[in-house]
Amino acid sequence: MSLDDTTVRKIAHLARINVAETDLAPLAKELSGILDWIEQLQEVDTSAVEPMTGGTDMTLNWRKDAVTDGGHPEKVLANAPESHEGFFGVPKVIE
């Protein structure tokens, strides 16, 4: 597929990219080359290839959902600049 300067200008506008007039022709050639590669890839028969979600076939290891730490509110609140009755204190933002 061959792109002309007008099409490249429109693509650049849609992508919100400022392209100088002198760069339109080289950019058109590069984009046309990329589209040619895409056309070649579309010719490959992938009907027997199973879809993948990643580069390797793996499953995640499940772990037991258990609390392994906690019960130390005073240690957590020690990092707070302000606390009230066991909770973080935050400044009022709405009158």
PDB file of N, CA and C in Angstrom:
ATOM      1  N   MET A   1       0.849  -1.165   0.000  1.00  0.00           N
ATOM      2  CA  MET A   1       0.000   0.000   0.000  1.00  0.00           C
ATOM      3  C   MET A   1       0.901   1.236   0.000  1.00  0.00           C
ATOM      4  N   SER A   2       0.584   2.172  -0.823  1.00  0.00           N
ATOM      5  CA  SER A   2       1.391   3.373  -0.942  1.00  0.00           C
ATOM      6  C   SER A   2       0.606   4.578  -0.431  1.00  0.00           C
ATOM      7  N   LEU A   3       1.233   5.334   0.459  1.00  0.00           N
ATOM      8  CA  LEU A   3       0.604   6.527   1.016  1.00  0.00           C
ATOM      9  C   LEU A   3       1.177   7.768   0.359  1.00  0.00           C
ATOM     10  N   ASP A   4       0.323   8.767   0.159  1.00  0.00           N
ATOM     11  CA  ASP A   4       0.805  10.036  -0.375  1.00  0.00           C
ATOM     12  C   ASP A   4       0.936  11.052   0.751  1.00  0.00           C
ATOM     13  N   ASP A   5       1.473  12.220   0.435  1.00  0.00           N
ATOM     14  CA  ASP A   5       1.719  13.251   1.435  1.00  0.00           C
ATOM     15  C   ASP A   5       0.428  13.728   2.102  1.00  0.00           C
ATOM     16  N   THR A   6      -0.655  13.800   1.338  1.00  0.00           N
ATOM     17  CA  THR A   6      -1.926  14.252   1.885  1.00  0.00           C
ATOM     18  C   THR A   6      -2.426  13.292   2.963  1.00  0.00           C
ATOM     19  N   THR A   7      -2.317  11.988   2.698  1.00  0.00           N
ATOM     20  CA  THR A   7      -2.759  10.992   3.672  1.00  0.00           C
ATOM     21  C   THR A   7      -1.888  11.034   4.913  1.00  0.00           C
ATOM     22  N   VAL A   8      -0.582  11.185   4.737  1.00  0.00           N
ATOM     23  CA  VAL A   8       0.330  11.251   5.882  1.00  0.00           C
ATOM     24  C   VAL A   8       0.050  12.503   6.706  1.00  0.00           C
ATOM     25  N   ARG A   9      -0.241  13.599   6.047  1.00  0.00           N
ATOM     26  CA  ARG A   9      -0.581  14.841   6.749  1.00  0.00           C
ATOM     27  C   ARG A   9      -1.836  14.633   7.600  1.00  0.00           C
ATOM     28  N   LYS A  10      -2.828  13.937   7.046  1.00  0.00           N
ATOM     29  CA  LYS A  10      -4.062  13.674   7.778  1.00  0.00           C
ATOM     30  C   LYS A  10      -3.806  12.737   8.956  1.00  0.00           C
ATOM     31  N   ILE A  11      -2.995  11.708   8.761  1.00  0.00           N
ATOM     32  CA  ILE A  11      -2.650  10.786   9.850  1.00  0.00           C
ATOM     33  C   ILE A  11      -1.930  11.544  10.965  1.00  0.00           C
ATOM     34  N   ALA A  12      -1.000  12.399  10.593  1.00  0.00           N
ATOM     35  CA  ALA A  12      -0.263  13.188  11.583  1.00  0.00           C
ATOM     36  C   ALA A  12      -1.208  14.111  12.341  1.00  0.00           C
ATOM     37  N   HIS A  13      -2.162  14.693  11.641  1.00  0.00           N
ATOM     38  CA  HIS A  13      -3.135  15.572  12.298  1.00  0.00           C
ATOM     39  C   HIS A  13      -3.987  14.783  13.290  1.00  0.00           C
ATOM     40  N   LEU A  14      -4.462  13.606  12.882  1.00  0.00           N
ATOM     41  CA  LEU A  14      -5.290  12.788  13.765  1.00  0.00           C
ATOM     42  C   LEU A  14      -4.510  12.312  14.986  1.00  0.00           C
ATOM     43  N   ALA A  15      -3.207  12.075  14.799  1.00  0.00           N
ATOM     44  CA  ALA A  15      -2.358  11.636  15.910  1.00  0.00           C
ATOM     45  C   ALA A  15      -1.832  12.811  16.715  1.00  0.00           C
ATOM     46  N   ARG A  16      -2.189  14.011  16.316  1.00  0.00           N
ATOM     47  CA  ARG A  16      -1.739  15.245  16.977  1.00  0.00           C
ATOM     48  C   ARG A  16      -0.212  15.337  16.991  1.00  0.00           C
ATOM     49  N   ILE A  17       0.377  15.022  15.836  1.00  0.00           N
ATOM     50  CA  ILE A  17       1.823  15.102  15.667  1.00  0.00           C
ATOM     51  C   ILE A  17       2.118  16.194  14.651  1.00  0.00           C
ATOM     52  N   ASN A  18       3.013  17.079  14.988  1.00  0.00           N
ATOM     53  CA  ASN A  18       3.401  18.149  14.081  1.00  0.00           C
ATOM     54  C   ASN A  18       4.531  17.634  13.178  1.00  0.00           C
ATOM     55  N   VAL A  19       4.253  17.498  11.901  1.00  0.00           N
ATOM     56  CA  VAL A  19       5.240  17.006  10.936  1.00  0.00           C
ATOM     57  C   VAL A  19       5.514  18.121   9.933  1.00  0.00           C
ATOM     58  N   ALA A  20       6.790  18.443   9.768  1.00  0.00           N
ATOM     59  CA  ALA A  20       7.176  19.478   8.809  1.00  0.00           C
ATOM     60  C   ALA A  20       6.906  19.004   7.390  1.00  0.00           C
ATOM     61  N   GLU A  21       6.640  19.945   6.500  1.00  0.00           N
ATOM     62  CA  GLU A  21       6.348  19.606   5.092  1.00  0.00           C
ATOM     63  C   GLU A  21       7.494  18.823   4.461  1.00  0.00           C
ATOM     64  N   THR A  22       8.732  19.135   4.843  1.00  0.00           N
ATOM     65  CA  THR A  22       9.888  18.444   4.252  1.00  0.00           C
ATOM     66  C   THR A  22       9.983  16.994   4.733  1.00  0.00           C
ATOM     67  N   ASP A  23       9.324  16.672   5.863  1.00  0.00           N
ATOM     68  CA  ASP A  23       9.391  15.311   6.402  1.00  0.00           C
ATOM     69  C   ASP A  23       8.242  14.430   5.945  1.00  0.00           C
ATOM     70  N   LEU A  24       7.284  14.990   5.202  1.00  0.00           N
ATOM     71  CA  LEU A  24       6.122  14.210   4.791  1.00  0.00           C
ATOM     72  C   LEU A  24       6.482  13.085   3.831  1.00  0.00           C
ATOM     73  N   ALA A  25       7.305  13.366   2.826  1.00  0.00           N
ATOM     74  CA  ALA A  25       7.649  12.341   1.836  1.00  0.00           C
ATOM     75  C   ALA A  25       8.424  11.179   2.464  1.00  0.00           C
ATOM     76  N   PRO A  26       9.486  11.435   3.273  1.00  0.00           N
ATOM     77  CA  PRO A  26      10.170  10.299   3.904  1.00  0.00           C
ATOM     78  C   PRO A  26       9.269   9.518   4.858  1.00  0.00           C
ATOM     79  N   LEU A  27       8.396  10.226   5.573  1.00  0.00           N
ATOM     80  CA  LEU A  27       7.482   9.552   6.483  1.00  0.00           C
ATOM     81  C   LEU A  27       6.472   8.701   5.709  1.00  0.00           C
ATOM     82  N   ALA A  28       6.020   9.205   4.575  1.00  0.00           N
ATOM     83  CA  ALA A  28       5.098   8.433   3.732  1.00  0.00           C
ATOM     84  C   ALA A  28       5.751   7.142   3.278  1.00  0.00           C
ATOM     85  N   LYS A  29       7.027   7.219   2.923  1.00  0.00           N
ATOM     86  CA  LYS A  29       7.749   6.018   2.472  1.00  0.00           C
ATOM     87  C   LYS A  29       7.876   5.012   3.616  1.00  0.00           C
ATOM     88  N   GLU A  30       8.194   5.498   4.829  1.00  0.00           N
ATOM     89  CA  GLU A  30       8.337   4.603   5.972  1.00  0.00           C
ATOM     90  C   GLU A  30       7.002   3.953   6.337  1.00  0.00           C
ATOM     91  N   LEU A  31       5.947   4.748   6.378  1.00  0.00           N
ATOM     92  CA  LEU A  31       4.635   4.198   6.715  1.00  0.00           C
ATOM     93  C   LEU A  31       4.154   3.207   5.656  1.00  0.00           C
ATOM     94  N   SER A  32       4.446   3.482   4.406  1.00  0.00           N
ATOM     95  CA  SER A  32       4.064   2.554   3.336  1.00  0.00           C
ATOM     96  C   SER A  32       4.791   1.230   3.506  1.00  0.00           C
ATOM     97  N   GLY A  33       6.069   1.291   3.894  1.00  0.00           N
ATOM     98  CA  GLY A  33       6.829   0.065   4.144  1.00  0.00           C
ATOM     99  C   GLY A  33       6.244  -0.740   5.285  1.00  0.00           C
ATOM    100  N   ILE A  34       5.820  -0.054   6.343  1.00  0.00           N
ATOM    101  CA  ILE A  34       5.205  -0.744   7.479  1.00  0.00           C
ATOM    102  C   ILE A  34       3.903  -1.411   7.048  1.00  0.00           C
ATOM    103  N   LEU A  35       3.097  -0.701   6.286  1.00  0.00           N
ATOM    104  CA  LEU A  35       1.837  -1.285   5.813  1.00  0.00           C
ATOM    105  C   LEU A  35       2.075  -2.465   4.881  1.00  0.00           C
ATOM    106  N   ASP A  36       3.147  -2.422   4.083  1.00  0.00           N
ATOM    107  CA  ASP A  36       3.494  -3.570   3.231  1.00  0.00           C
ATOM    108  C   ASP A  36       3.822  -4.795   4.078  1.00  0.00           C
ATOM    109  N   TRP A  37       4.551  -4.598   5.172  1.00  0.00           N
ATOM    110  CA  TRP A  37       4.867  -5.711   6.074  1.00  0.00           C
ATOM    111  C   TRP A  37       3.594  -6.282   6.684  1.00  0.00           C
ATOM    112  N   ILE A  38       2.665  -5.417   7.050  1.00  0.00           N
ATOM    113  CA  ILE A  38       1.399  -5.881   7.624  1.00  0.00           C
ATOM    114  C   ILE A  38       0.624  -6.703   6.598  1.00  0.00           C
ATOM    115  N   GLU A  39       0.629  -6.270   5.340  1.00  0.00           N
ATOM    116  CA  GLU A  39      -0.054  -7.034   4.288  1.00  0.00           C
ATOM    117  C   GLU A  39       0.579  -8.407   4.122  1.00  0.00           C
ATOM    118  N   GLN A  40       1.911  -8.484   4.228  1.00  0.00           N
ATOM    119  CA  GLN A  40       2.584  -9.774   4.139  1.00  0.00           C
ATOM    120  C   GLN A  40       2.200 -10.678   5.310  1.00  0.00           C
ATOM    121  N   LEU A  41       2.093 -10.108   6.503  1.00  0.00           N
ATOM    122  CA  LEU A  41       1.715 -10.909   7.670  1.00  0.00           C
ATOM    123  C   LEU A  41       0.285 -11.428   7.550  1.00  0.00           C
ATOM    124  N   GLN A  42      -0.590 -10.673   6.908  1.00  0.00           N
ATOM    125  CA  GLN A  42      -1.972 -11.121   6.748  1.00  0.00           C
ATOM    126  C   GLN A  42      -2.085 -12.305   5.796  1.00  0.00           C
ATOM    127  N   GLU A  43      -1.072 -12.531   4.982  1.00  0.00           N
ATOM    128  CA  GLU A  43      -1.095 -13.652   4.053  1.00  0.00           C
ATOM    129  C   GLU A  43      -0.731 -14.976   4.728  1.00  0.00           C
ATOM    130  N   VAL A  44      -0.181 -14.933   5.932  1.00  0.00           N
ATOM    131  CA  VAL A  44       0.223 -16.146   6.637  1.00  0.00           C
ATOM    132  C   VAL A  44      -1.016 -16.873   7.147  1.00  0.00           C
ATOM    133  N   ASP A  45      -1.071 -18.186   6.920  1.00  0.00           N
ATOM    134  CA  ASP A  45      -2.201 -18.992   7.362  1.00  0.00           C
ATOM    135  C   ASP A  45      -2.024 -19.336   8.846  1.00  0.00           C
ATOM    136  N   THR A  46      -2.860 -18.773   9.682  1.00  0.00           N
ATOM    137  CA  THR A  46      -2.790 -19.030  11.115  1.00  0.00           C
ATOM    138  C   THR A  46      -4.018 -19.782  11.623  1.00  0.00           C
ATOM    139  N   SER A  47      -4.735 -20.439  10.731  1.00  0.00           N
ATOM    140  CA  SER A  47      -5.970 -21.120  11.116  1.00  0.00           C
ATOM    141  C   SER A  47      -5.715 -22.277  12.081  1.00  0.00           C
ATOM    142  N   ALA A  48      -4.543 -22.902  12.015  1.00  0.00           N
ATOM    143  CA  ALA A  48      -4.238 -24.038  12.894  1.00  0.00           C
ATOM    144  C   ALA A  48      -3.497 -23.612  14.158  1.00  0.00           C
ATOM    145  N   VAL A  49      -3.300 -22.321  14.343  1.00  0.00           N
ATOM    146  CA  VAL A  49      -2.573 -21.832  15.512  1.00  0.00           C
ATOM    147  C   VAL A  49      -3.567 -21.439  16.596  1.00  0.00           C
ATOM    148  N   GLU A  50      -3.360 -21.985  17.795  1.00  0.00           N
ATOM    149  CA  GLU A  50      -4.250 -21.673  18.908  1.00  0.00           C
ATOM    150  C   GLU A  50      -3.925 -20.297  19.471  1.00  0.00           C
ATOM    151  N   PRO A  51      -4.939 -19.501  19.783  1.00  0.00           N
ATOM    152  CA  PRO A  51      -4.673 -18.166  20.329  1.00  0.00           C
ATOM    153  C   PRO A  51      -3.922 -18.240  21.655  1.00  0.00           C
ATOM    154  N   MET A  52      -3.073 -17.240  21.887  1.00  0.00           N
ATOM    155  CA  MET A  52      -2.269 -17.201  23.107  1.00  0.00           C
ATOM    156  C   MET A  52      -2.575 -15.918  23.877  1.00  0.00           C
ATOM    157  N   THR A  53      -2.339 -15.956  25.163  1.00  0.00           N
ATOM    158  CA  THR A  53      -2.455 -14.756  25.980  1.00  0.00           C
ATOM    159  C   THR A  53      -1.088 -14.237  26.382  1.00  0.00           C
ATOM    160  N   GLY A  54      -0.050 -14.994  26.130  1.00  0.00           N
ATOM    161  CA  GLY A  54       1.300 -14.586  26.498  1.00  0.00           C
ATOM    162  C   GLY A  54       2.318 -15.399  25.728  1.00  0.00           C
ATOM    163  N   GLY A  55       3.581 -15.198  26.028  1.00  0.00           N
ATOM    164  CA  GLY A  55       4.648 -15.886  25.316  1.00  0.00           C
ATOM    165  C   GLY A  55       4.873 -17.310  25.779  1.00  0.00           C
ATOM    166  N   THR A  56       4.424 -17.634  26.988  1.00  0.00           N
ATOM    167  CA  THR A  56       4.607 -18.995  27.497  1.00  0.00           C
ATOM    168  C   THR A  56       3.274 -19.516  28.011  1.00  0.00           C
ATOM    169  N   ASP A  57       3.152 -20.830  28.011  1.00  0.00           N
ATOM    170  CA  ASP A  57       1.940 -21.464  28.503  1.00  0.00           C
ATOM    171  C   ASP A  57       2.140 -21.759  29.990  1.00  0.00           C
ATOM    172  N   MET A  58       1.573 -20.903  30.849  1.00  0.00           N
ATOM    173  CA  MET A  58       1.770 -21.081  32.275  1.00  0.00           C
ATOM    174  C   MET A  58       0.501 -20.732  33.038  1.00  0.00           C
ATOM    175  N   THR A  59       0.419 -21.259  34.245  1.00  0.00           N
ATOM    176  CA  THR A  59      -0.699 -20.957  35.118  1.00  0.00           C
ATOM    177  C   THR A  59      -0.151 -20.333  36.397  1.00  0.00           C
ATOM    178  N   LEU A  60      -0.971 -19.553  37.041  1.00  0.00           N
ATOM    179  CA  LEU A  60      -0.564 -18.918  38.281  1.00  0.00           C
ATOM    180  C   LEU A  60      -0.708 -19.880  39.443  1.00  0.00           C
ATOM    181  N   ASN A  61       0.244 -19.822  40.354  1.00  0.00           N
ATOM    182  CA  ASN A  61       0.159 -20.630  41.563  1.00  0.00           C
ATOM    183  C   ASN A  61      -0.743 -19.914  42.561  1.00  0.00           C
ATOM    184  N   TRP A  62      -1.755 -20.623  43.032  1.00  0.00           N
ATOM    185  CA  TRP A  62      -2.670 -20.049  44.004  1.00  0.00           C
ATOM    186  C   TRP A  62      -2.085 -20.201  45.388  1.00  0.00           C
ATOM    187  N   ARG A  63      -2.305 -19.206  46.229  1.00  0.00           N
ATOM    188  CA  ARG A  63      -1.859 -19.284  47.608  1.00  0.00           C
ATOM    189  C   ARG A  63      -3.075 -19.170  48.509  1.00  0.00           C
ATOM    190  N   LYS A  64      -2.909 -19.635  49.730  1.00  0.00           N
ATOM    191  CA  LYS A  64      -3.991 -19.547  50.680  1.00  0.00           C
ATOM    192  C   LYS A  64      -4.214 -18.076  51.028  1.00  0.00           C
ATOM    193  N   ASP A  65      -5.461 -17.659  51.037  1.00  0.00           N
ATOM    194  CA  ASP A  65      -5.802 -16.283  51.354  1.00  0.00           C
ATOM    195  C   ASP A  65      -5.916 -16.152  52.875  1.00  0.00           C
ATOM    196  N   ALA A  66      -4.806 -15.785  53.489  1.00  0.00           N
ATOM    197  CA  ALA A  66      -4.777 -15.698  54.944  1.00  0.00           C
ATOM    198  C   ALA A  66      -4.078 -14.418  55.361  1.00  0.00           C
ATOM    199  N   VAL A  67      -4.509 -13.873  56.476  1.00  0.00           N
ATOM    200  CA  VAL A  67      -3.868 -12.687  57.033  1.00  0.00           C
ATOM    201  C   VAL A  67      -2.570 -13.138  57.694  1.00  0.00           C
ATOM    202  N   THR A  68      -1.466 -12.573  57.265  1.00  0.00           N
ATOM    203  CA  THR A  68      -0.171 -12.975  57.811  1.00  0.00           C
ATOM    204  C   THR A  68       0.422 -11.910  58.713  1.00  0.00           C
ATOM    205  N   ASP A  69      -0.176 -10.731  58.729  1.00  0.00           N
ATOM    206  CA  ASP A  69       0.291  -9.665  59.593  1.00  0.00           C
ATOM    207  C   ASP A  69      -0.908  -8.779  59.916  1.00  0.00           C
ATOM    208  N   GLY A  70      -0.826  -8.066  60.947  1.00  0.00           N
ATOM    209  CA  GLY A  70      -1.915  -7.184  61.320  1.00  0.00           C
ATOM    210  C   GLY A  70      -2.093  -7.190  62.827  1.00  0.00           C
ATOM    211  N   GLY A  71      -3.109  -6.515  63.246  1.00  0.00           N
ATOM    212  CA  GLY A  71      -3.366  -6.441  64.668  1.00  0.00           C
ATOM    213  C   GLY A  71      -2.434  -5.496  65.395  1.00  0.00           C
ATOM    214  N   HIS A  72      -1.814  -4.563  64.652  1.00  0.00           N
ATOM    215  CA  HIS A  72      -0.900  -3.597  65.245  1.00  0.00           C
ATOM    216  C   HIS A  72      -1.308  -2.182  64.847  1.00  0.00           C
ATOM    217  N   PRO A  73      -2.498  -1.748  65.218  1.00  0.00           N
ATOM    218  CA  PRO A  73      -2.932  -0.420  64.783  1.00  0.00           C
ATOM    219  C   PRO A  73      -2.048   0.694  65.325  1.00  0.00           C
ATOM    220  N   GLU A  74      -1.488   0.512  66.499  1.00  0.00           N
ATOM    221  CA  GLU A  74      -0.645   1.573  67.046  1.00  0.00           C
ATOM    222  C   GLU A  74       0.638   1.746  66.239  1.00  0.00           C
ATOM    223  N   LYS A  75       1.170   0.646  65.675  1.00  0.00           N
ATOM    224  CA  LYS A  75       2.358   0.764  64.817  1.00  0.00           C
ATOM    225  C   LYS A  75       2.025   1.463  63.502  1.00  0.00           C
ATOM    226  N   VAL A  76       0.854   1.154  62.955  1.00  0.00           N
ATOM    227  CA  VAL A  76       0.438   1.777  61.705  1.00  0.00           C
ATOM    228  C   VAL A  76       0.168   3.265  61.921  1.00  0.00           C
ATOM    229  N   LEU A  77      -0.534   3.579  62.985  1.00  0.00           N
ATOM    230  CA  LEU A  77      -0.876   4.970  63.255  1.00  0.00           C
ATOM    231  C   LEU A  77       0.325   5.798  63.706  1.00  0.00           C
ATOM    232  N   ALA A  78       1.413   5.137  64.074  1.00  0.00           N
ATOM    233  CA  ALA A  78       2.625   5.868  64.447  1.00  0.00           C
ATOM    234  C   ALA A  78       3.183   6.635  63.249  1.00  0.00           C
ATOM    235  N   ASN A  79       2.889   6.197  62.040  1.00  0.00           N
ATOM    236  CA  ASN A  79       3.356   6.869  60.828  1.00  0.00           C
ATOM    237  C   ASN A  79       2.445   8.021  60.410  1.00  0.00           C
ATOM    238  N   ALA A  80       1.257   8.092  60.986  1.00  0.00           N
ATOM    239  CA  ALA A  80       0.293   9.114  60.586  1.00  0.00           C
ATOM    240  C   ALA A  80       0.659  10.459  61.207  1.00  0.00           C
ATOM    241  N   PRO A  81       0.518  11.534  60.435  1.00  0.00           N
ATOM    242  CA  PRO A  81       0.785  12.845  61.026  1.00  0.00           C
ATOM    243  C   PRO A  81      -0.255  13.216  62.091  1.00  0.00           C
ATOM    244  N   GLU A  82      -1.472  12.655  61.965  1.00  0.00           N
ATOM    245  CA  GLU A  82      -2.523  12.933  62.932  1.00  0.00           C
ATOM    246  C   GLU A  82      -3.460  11.731  62.990  1.00  0.00           C
ATOM    247  N   SER A  83      -3.921  11.384  64.191  1.00  0.00           N
ATOM    248  CA  SER A  83      -4.875  10.280  64.326  1.00  0.00           C
ATOM    249  C   SER A  83      -5.941  10.657  65.344  1.00  0.00           C
ATOM    250  N   HIS A  84      -7.121  10.036  65.195  1.00  0.00           N
ATOM    251  CA  HIS A  84      -8.250  10.272  66.092  1.00  0.00           C
ATOM    252  C   HIS A  84      -8.928   8.946  66.390  1.00  0.00           C
ATOM    253  N   GLU A  85      -8.950   8.553  67.636  1.00  0.00           N
ATOM    254  CA  GLU A  85      -9.663   7.365  68.104  1.00  0.00           C
ATOM    255  C   GLU A  85      -9.333   6.120  67.283  1.00  0.00           C
ATOM    256  N   GLY A  86      -8.059   5.925  66.970  1.00  0.00           N
ATOM    257  CA  GLY A  86      -7.629   4.725  66.255  1.00  0.00           C
ATOM    258  C   GLY A  86      -7.755   4.803  64.747  1.00  0.00           C
ATOM    259  N   PHE A  87      -8.004   5.982  64.180  1.00  0.00           N
ATOM    260  CA  PHE A  87      -8.137   6.167  62.739  1.00  0.00           C
ATOM    261  C   PHE A  87      -7.198   7.280  62.281  1.00  0.00           C
ATOM    262  N   PHE A  88      -6.894   7.282  60.998  1.00  0.00           N
ATOM    263  CA  PHE A  88      -6.088   8.362  60.434  1.00  0.00           C
ATOM    264  C   PHE A  88      -6.878   9.656  60.470  1.00  0.00           C
ATOM    265  N   GLY A  89      -6.243  10.728  60.864  1.00  0.00           N
ATOM    266  CA  GLY A  89      -6.872  12.035  60.843  1.00  0.00           C
ATOM    267  C   GLY A  89      -6.518  12.759  59.567  1.00  0.00           C
ATOM    268  N   VAL A  90      -7.506  13.292  58.887  1.00  0.00           N
ATOM    269  CA  VAL A  90      -7.269  14.027  57.641  1.00  0.00           C
ATOM    270  C   VAL A  90      -7.865  15.415  57.768  1.00  0.00           C
ATOM    271  N   PRO A  91      -7.271  16.407  57.102  1.00  0.00           N
ATOM    272  CA  PRO A  91      -7.830  17.748  57.202  1.00  0.00           C
ATOM    273  C   PRO A  91      -9.181  17.852  56.494  1.00  0.00           C
ATOM    274  N   LYS A  92     -10.014  18.715  57.003  1.00  0.00           N
ATOM    275  CA  LYS A  92     -11.323  18.954  56.405  1.00  0.00           C
ATOM    276  C   LYS A  92     -11.142  19.698  55.093  1.00  0.00           C
ATOM    277  N   VAL A  93     -11.762  19.207  54.021  1.00  0.00           N
ATOM    278  CA  VAL A  93     -11.601  19.836  52.701  1.00  0.00           C
ATOM    279  C   VAL A  93     -12.900  20.476  52.213  1.00  0.00           C
ATOM    280  N   ILE A  94     -14.014  20.166  52.852  1.00  0.00           N
ATOM    281  CA  ILE A  94     -15.306  20.737  52.450  1.00  0.00           C
ATOM    282  C   ILE A  94     -15.905  21.443  53.670  1.00  0.00           C
ATOM    283  N   GLU A  95     -16.311  22.661  53.468  1.00  0.00           N
ATOM    284  CA  GLU A  95     -16.923  23.440  54.554  1.00  0.00           C
ATOM    285  C   GLU A  95     -18.369  23.076  54.720  1.00  0.00           C
TER     286      GLU A  95
END
